[in-house]
Amino acid sequence: MTRFSRLLSGLLATALVAIAPATLAVEKVGAGRTAKPADNRIVIQINEDDSKKWHAVLGNIRNIQADLGRSNVAIAVVAIGPGLGMLVADSLTANDVQDALAARVEFVACGNSMKALHIDPADLVAGVKIAKAGYVELMQRQRQGWAYLRP
């Protein structure tokens, strides 16, 4: 074996060792697709006072988790302005938001909107996070590779 062949063999073996752990982390999901959990990150913007839309979004979240597998997708809902009504403890969607929180969905309220609408953090469904600015939260998540949806 020539010196070049030994070097090439060594590089190939090193590359295979480096690639093997990544391929082991890939899981089979959905209809024959594969994905790593970090590949499936979705941030959803809600900024409307529309309970039908809120329920539709929560249904879509359940469908996404059913298709990809709950542990294979990270989902965050960012509520801004009138969309904060979805996260208030006495809203029509409060029970569904609690169920989604239990199913690993993250809900984030815009702090600026909360101040403008005089919503106290204690008025929110337990477990909802608060960001200083909802649109900045959306921008930062998109920079981190999160898919952005606005129904």
C-alpha atoms as a PDB file:
ATOM      1  CA  MET A   1       0.000   0.000   0.000  1.00  0.00           C
ATOM      2  CA  THR A   2       1.429   3.362  -0.972  1.00  0.00           C
ATOM      3  CA  ARG A   3       1.709   6.234   1.427  1.00  0.00           C
ATOM      4  CA  PHE A   4      -1.089   8.077  -0.424  1.00  0.00           C
ATOM      5  CA  SER A   5      -3.379   5.009  -0.195  1.00  0.00           C
ATOM      6  CA  ARG A   6      -2.788   4.721   3.567  1.00  0.00           C
ATOM      7  CA  LEU A   7      -3.539   8.431   4.007  1.00  0.00           C
ATOM      8  CA  LEU A   8      -6.721   8.147   1.937  1.00  0.00           C
ATOM      9  CA  SER A   9      -7.824   5.046   3.879  1.00  0.00           C
ATOM     10  CA  GLY A  10      -7.236   6.845   7.169  1.00  0.00           C
ATOM     11  CA  LEU A  11      -9.239   9.873   6.070  1.00  0.00           C
ATOM     12  CA  LEU A  12     -12.094   7.678   4.875  1.00  0.00           C
ATOM     13  CA  ALA A  13     -12.169   5.743   8.162  1.00  0.00           C
ATOM     14  CA  THR A  14     -12.178   9.012  10.143  1.00  0.00           C
ATOM     15  CA  ALA A  15     -15.051  10.355   8.042  1.00  0.00           C
ATOM     16  CA  LEU A  16     -17.090   7.181   8.578  1.00  0.00           C
ATOM     17  CA  VAL A  17     -16.553   7.343  12.338  1.00  0.00           C
ATOM     18  CA  ALA A  18     -17.689  10.986  12.339  1.00  0.00           C
ATOM     19  CA  ILE A  19     -20.781  10.282  10.233  1.00  0.00           C
ATOM     20  CA  ALA A  20     -21.965   7.134  12.049  1.00  0.00           C
ATOM     21  CA  PRO A  21     -23.299   8.854  15.215  1.00  0.00           C
ATOM     22  CA  ALA A  22     -25.282  11.340  13.118  1.00  0.00           C
ATOM     23  CA  THR A  23     -26.953   8.593  11.137  1.00  0.00           C
ATOM     24  CA  LEU A  24     -27.829   6.709  14.323  1.00  0.00           C
ATOM     25  CA  ALA A  25     -29.673   9.800  15.631  1.00  0.00           C
ATOM     26  CA  VAL A  26     -32.022   9.788  12.641  1.00  0.00           C
ATOM     27  CA  GLU A  27     -35.418   8.297  13.489  1.00  0.00           C
ATOM     28  CA  LYS A  28     -38.116   6.944  11.221  1.00  0.00           C
ATOM     29  CA  VAL A  29     -41.194   9.165  11.362  1.00  0.00           C
ATOM     30  CA  GLY A  30     -44.473   9.671   9.552  1.00  0.00           C
ATOM     31  CA  ALA A  31     -45.042   8.027   6.207  1.00  0.00           C
ATOM     32  CA  GLY A  32     -41.552   6.644   5.694  1.00  0.00           C
ATOM     33  CA  ARG A  33     -39.754   9.957   6.281  1.00  0.00           C
ATOM     34  CA  THR A  34     -36.747  10.395   8.517  1.00  0.00           C
ATOM     35  CA  ALA A  35     -35.832  13.432  10.554  1.00  0.00           C
ATOM     36  CA  LYS A  36     -33.749  14.500  13.492  1.00  0.00           C
ATOM     37  CA  PRO A  37     -35.772  16.313  16.186  1.00  0.00           C
ATOM     38  CA  ALA A  38     -33.744  19.509  15.662  1.00  0.00           C
ATOM     39  CA  ASP A  39     -34.757  19.533  11.991  1.00  0.00           C
ATOM     40  CA  ASN A  40     -38.454  19.994  12.778  1.00  0.00           C
ATOM     41  CA  ARG A  41     -38.960  23.330  14.520  1.00  0.00           C
ATOM     42  CA  ILE A  42     -42.047  25.400  13.807  1.00  0.00           C
ATOM     43  CA  VAL A  43     -42.961  28.804  15.221  1.00  0.00           C
ATOM     44  CA  ILE A  44     -46.544  29.944  14.666  1.00  0.00           C
ATOM     45  CA  GLN A  45     -47.627  33.584  14.888  1.00  0.00           C
ATOM     46  CA  ILE A  46     -51.085  34.411  16.246  1.00  0.00           C
ATOM     47  CA  ASN A  47     -52.140  38.048  16.285  1.00  0.00           C
ATOM     48  CA  GLU A  48     -55.883  37.897  15.747  1.00  0.00           C
ATOM     49  CA  ASP A  49     -58.857  37.797  18.085  1.00  0.00           C
ATOM     50  CA  ASP A  50     -60.532  34.836  16.375  1.00  0.00           C
ATOM     51  CA  SER A  51     -61.393  31.761  18.449  1.00  0.00           C
ATOM     52  CA  LYS A  52     -62.145  29.709  15.308  1.00  0.00           C
ATOM     53  CA  LYS A  53     -58.614  30.352  14.062  1.00  0.00           C
ATOM     54  CA  TRP A  54     -57.190  29.536  17.504  1.00  0.00           C
ATOM     55  CA  HIS A  55     -58.973  26.183  17.535  1.00  0.00           C
ATOM     56  CA  ALA A  56     -57.843  25.493  13.961  1.00  0.00           C
ATOM     57  CA  VAL A  57     -54.217  26.230  14.901  1.00  0.00           C
ATOM     58  CA  LEU A  58     -54.431  23.925  17.921  1.00  0.00           C
ATOM     59  CA  GLY A  59     -55.894  21.203  15.673  1.00  0.00           C
ATOM     60  CA  ASN A  60     -53.071  21.726  13.166  1.00  0.00           C
ATOM     61  CA  ILE A  61     -50.535  21.396  15.977  1.00  0.00           C
ATOM     62  CA  ARG A  62     -52.064  18.057  16.993  1.00  0.00           C
ATOM     63  CA  ASN A  63     -51.894  16.918  13.349  1.00  0.00           C
ATOM     64  CA  ILE A  64     -48.235  17.946  13.025  1.00  0.00           C
ATOM     65  CA  GLN A  65     -47.332  16.061  16.194  1.00  0.00           C
ATOM     66  CA  ALA A  66     -49.294  13.004  15.053  1.00  0.00           C
ATOM     67  CA  ASP A  67     -47.535  12.958  11.671  1.00  0.00           C
ATOM     68  CA  LEU A  68     -43.974  13.645  12.803  1.00  0.00           C
ATOM     69  CA  GLY A  69     -44.151  12.238  16.324  1.00  0.00           C
ATOM     70  CA  ARG A  70     -44.396  14.453  19.390  1.00  0.00           C
ATOM     71  CA  SER A  71     -40.733  13.951  20.296  1.00  0.00           C
ATOM     72  CA  ASN A  72     -39.592  14.712  16.738  1.00  0.00           C
ATOM     73  CA  VAL A  73     -40.905  18.260  16.475  1.00  0.00           C
ATOM     74  CA  ALA A  74     -40.594  21.449  18.499  1.00  0.00           C
ATOM     75  CA  ILE A  75     -43.570  23.797  18.190  1.00  0.00           C
ATOM     76  CA  ALA A  76     -43.863  27.312  19.584  1.00  0.00           C
ATOM     77  CA  VAL A  77     -46.856  29.637  19.323  1.00  0.00           C
ATOM     78  CA  VAL A  78     -46.135  33.351  19.697  1.00  0.00           C
ATOM     79  CA  ALA A  79     -49.222  35.437  20.531  1.00  0.00           C
ATOM     80  CA  ILE A  80     -49.104  39.142  19.754  1.00  0.00           C
ATOM     81  CA  GLY A  81     -51.711  41.882  20.222  1.00  0.00           C
ATOM     82  CA  PRO A  82     -55.288  40.577  20.018  1.00  0.00           C
ATOM     83  CA  GLY A  83     -53.900  37.036  19.674  1.00  0.00           C
ATOM     84  CA  LEU A  84     -53.118  37.151  23.391  1.00  0.00           C
ATOM     85  CA  GLY A  85     -56.770  36.347  24.034  1.00  0.00           C
ATOM     86  CA  MET A  86     -55.898  32.750  23.159  1.00  0.00           C
ATOM     87  CA  LEU A  87     -53.588  32.537  26.169  1.00  0.00           C
ATOM     88  CA  VAL A  88     -55.814  34.140  28.802  1.00  0.00           C
ATOM     89  CA  ALA A  89     -56.880  31.665  31.499  1.00  0.00           C
ATOM     90  CA  ASP A  90     -60.607  32.246  30.970  1.00  0.00           C
ATOM     91  CA  SER A  91     -60.521  32.071  27.138  1.00  0.00           C
ATOM     92  CA  LEU A  92     -62.445  29.576  25.008  1.00  0.00           C
ATOM     93  CA  THR A  93     -59.136  27.885  24.201  1.00  0.00           C
ATOM     94  CA  ALA A  94     -57.614  27.769  27.691  1.00  0.00           C
ATOM     95  CA  ASN A  95     -58.198  24.019  28.176  1.00  0.00           C
ATOM     96  CA  ASP A  96     -56.805  23.225  24.727  1.00  0.00           C
ATOM     97  CA  VAL A  97     -53.763  25.429  25.389  1.00  0.00           C
ATOM     98  CA  GLN A  98     -53.175  23.523  28.646  1.00  0.00           C
ATOM     99  CA  ASP A  99     -53.417  20.223  26.760  1.00  0.00           C
ATOM    100  CA  ALA A 100     -50.950  21.491  24.153  1.00  0.00           C
ATOM    101  CA  LEU A 101     -48.548  22.643  26.880  1.00  0.00           C
ATOM    102  CA  ALA A 102     -48.711  19.126  28.333  1.00  0.00           C
ATOM    103  CA  ALA A 103     -47.916  17.821  24.815  1.00  0.00           C
ATOM    104  CA  ARG A 104     -44.661  19.831  24.696  1.00  0.00           C
ATOM    105  CA  VAL A 105     -45.951  22.861  22.767  1.00  0.00           C
ATOM    106  CA  GLU A 106     -44.441  26.153  23.883  1.00  0.00           C
ATOM    107  CA  PHE A 107     -46.634  29.257  24.105  1.00  0.00           C
ATOM    108  CA  VAL A 108     -45.062  32.713  24.240  1.00  0.00           C
ATOM    109  CA  ALA A 109     -46.930  35.943  24.971  1.00  0.00           C
ATOM    110  CA  CYS A 110     -45.662  39.303  23.718  1.00  0.00           C
ATOM    111  CA  GLY A 111     -44.768  41.418  26.761  1.00  0.00           C
ATOM    112  CA  ASN A 112     -45.224  44.690  24.877  1.00  0.00           C
ATOM    113  CA  SER A 113     -48.756  43.664  23.862  1.00  0.00           C
ATOM    114  CA  MET A 114     -49.519  42.576  27.420  1.00  0.00           C
ATOM    115  CA  LYS A 115     -48.584  46.050  28.675  1.00  0.00           C
ATOM    116  CA  ALA A 116     -50.596  47.792  25.957  1.00  0.00           C
ATOM    117  CA  LEU A 117     -53.670  45.614  26.612  1.00  0.00           C
ATOM    118  CA  HIS A 118     -53.250  45.692  30.416  1.00  0.00           C
ATOM    119  CA  ILE A 119     -52.931  41.910  30.704  1.00  0.00           C
ATOM    120  CA  ASP A 120     -51.244  40.755  33.882  1.00  0.00           C
ATOM    121  CA  PRO A 121     -49.007  37.656  33.750  1.00  0.00           C
ATOM    122  CA  ALA A 122     -51.307  36.058  36.358  1.00  0.00           C
ATOM    123  CA  ASP A 123     -54.149  36.280  33.796  1.00  0.00           C
ATOM    124  CA  LEU A 124     -52.400  33.849  31.443  1.00  0.00           C
ATOM    125  CA  VAL A 125     -52.744  30.067  31.316  1.00  0.00           C
ATOM    126  CA  ALA A 126     -50.140  28.580  33.651  1.00  0.00           C
ATOM    127  CA  GLY A 127     -46.977  27.631  31.757  1.00  0.00           C
ATOM    128  CA  VAL A 128     -47.140  30.388  29.127  1.00  0.00           C
ATOM    129  CA  LYS A 129     -43.805  32.177  28.700  1.00  0.00           C
ATOM    130  CA  ILE A 130     -43.446  35.897  28.140  1.00  0.00           C
ATOM    131  CA  ALA A 131     -41.060  37.497  25.649  1.00  0.00           C
ATOM    132  CA  LYS A 132     -40.291  41.200  25.820  1.00  0.00           C
ATOM    133  CA  ALA A 133     -41.275  41.647  22.159  1.00  0.00           C
ATOM    134  CA  GLY A 134     -43.200  39.039  20.177  1.00  0.00           C
ATOM    135  CA  TYR A 135     -41.909  40.067  16.761  1.00  0.00           C
ATOM    136  CA  VAL A 136     -38.301  39.937  17.993  1.00  0.00           C
ATOM    137  CA  GLU A 137     -39.022  36.427  19.330  1.00  0.00           C
ATOM    138  CA  LEU A 138     -40.274  35.407  15.869  1.00  0.00           C
ATOM    139  CA  MET A 139     -37.248  36.925  14.157  1.00  0.00           C
ATOM    140  CA  GLN A 140     -34.779  35.233  16.505  1.00  0.00           C
ATOM    141  CA  ARG A 141     -36.381  31.828  16.068  1.00  0.00           C
ATOM    142  CA  GLN A 142     -36.333  32.204  12.286  1.00  0.00           C
ATOM    143  CA  ARG A 143     -32.622  33.029  12.481  1.00  0.00           C
ATOM    144  CA  GLN A 144     -32.178  29.809  14.463  1.00  0.00           C
ATOM    145  CA  GLY A 145     -33.773  27.830  11.635  1.00  0.00           C
ATOM    146  CA  TRP A 146     -37.366  27.559  12.851  1.00  0.00           C
ATOM    147  CA  ALA A 147     -39.986  27.313  10.102  1.00  0.00           C
ATOM    148  CA  TYR A 148     -42.411  30.242  10.326  1.00  0.00           C
ATOM    149  CA  LEU A 149     -46.172  29.825   9.936  1.00  0.00           C
ATOM    150  CA  ARG A 150     -48.857  32.459  10.079  1.00  0.00           C
ATOM    151  CA  PRO A 151     -52.297  30.985   9.545  1.00  0.00           C
END
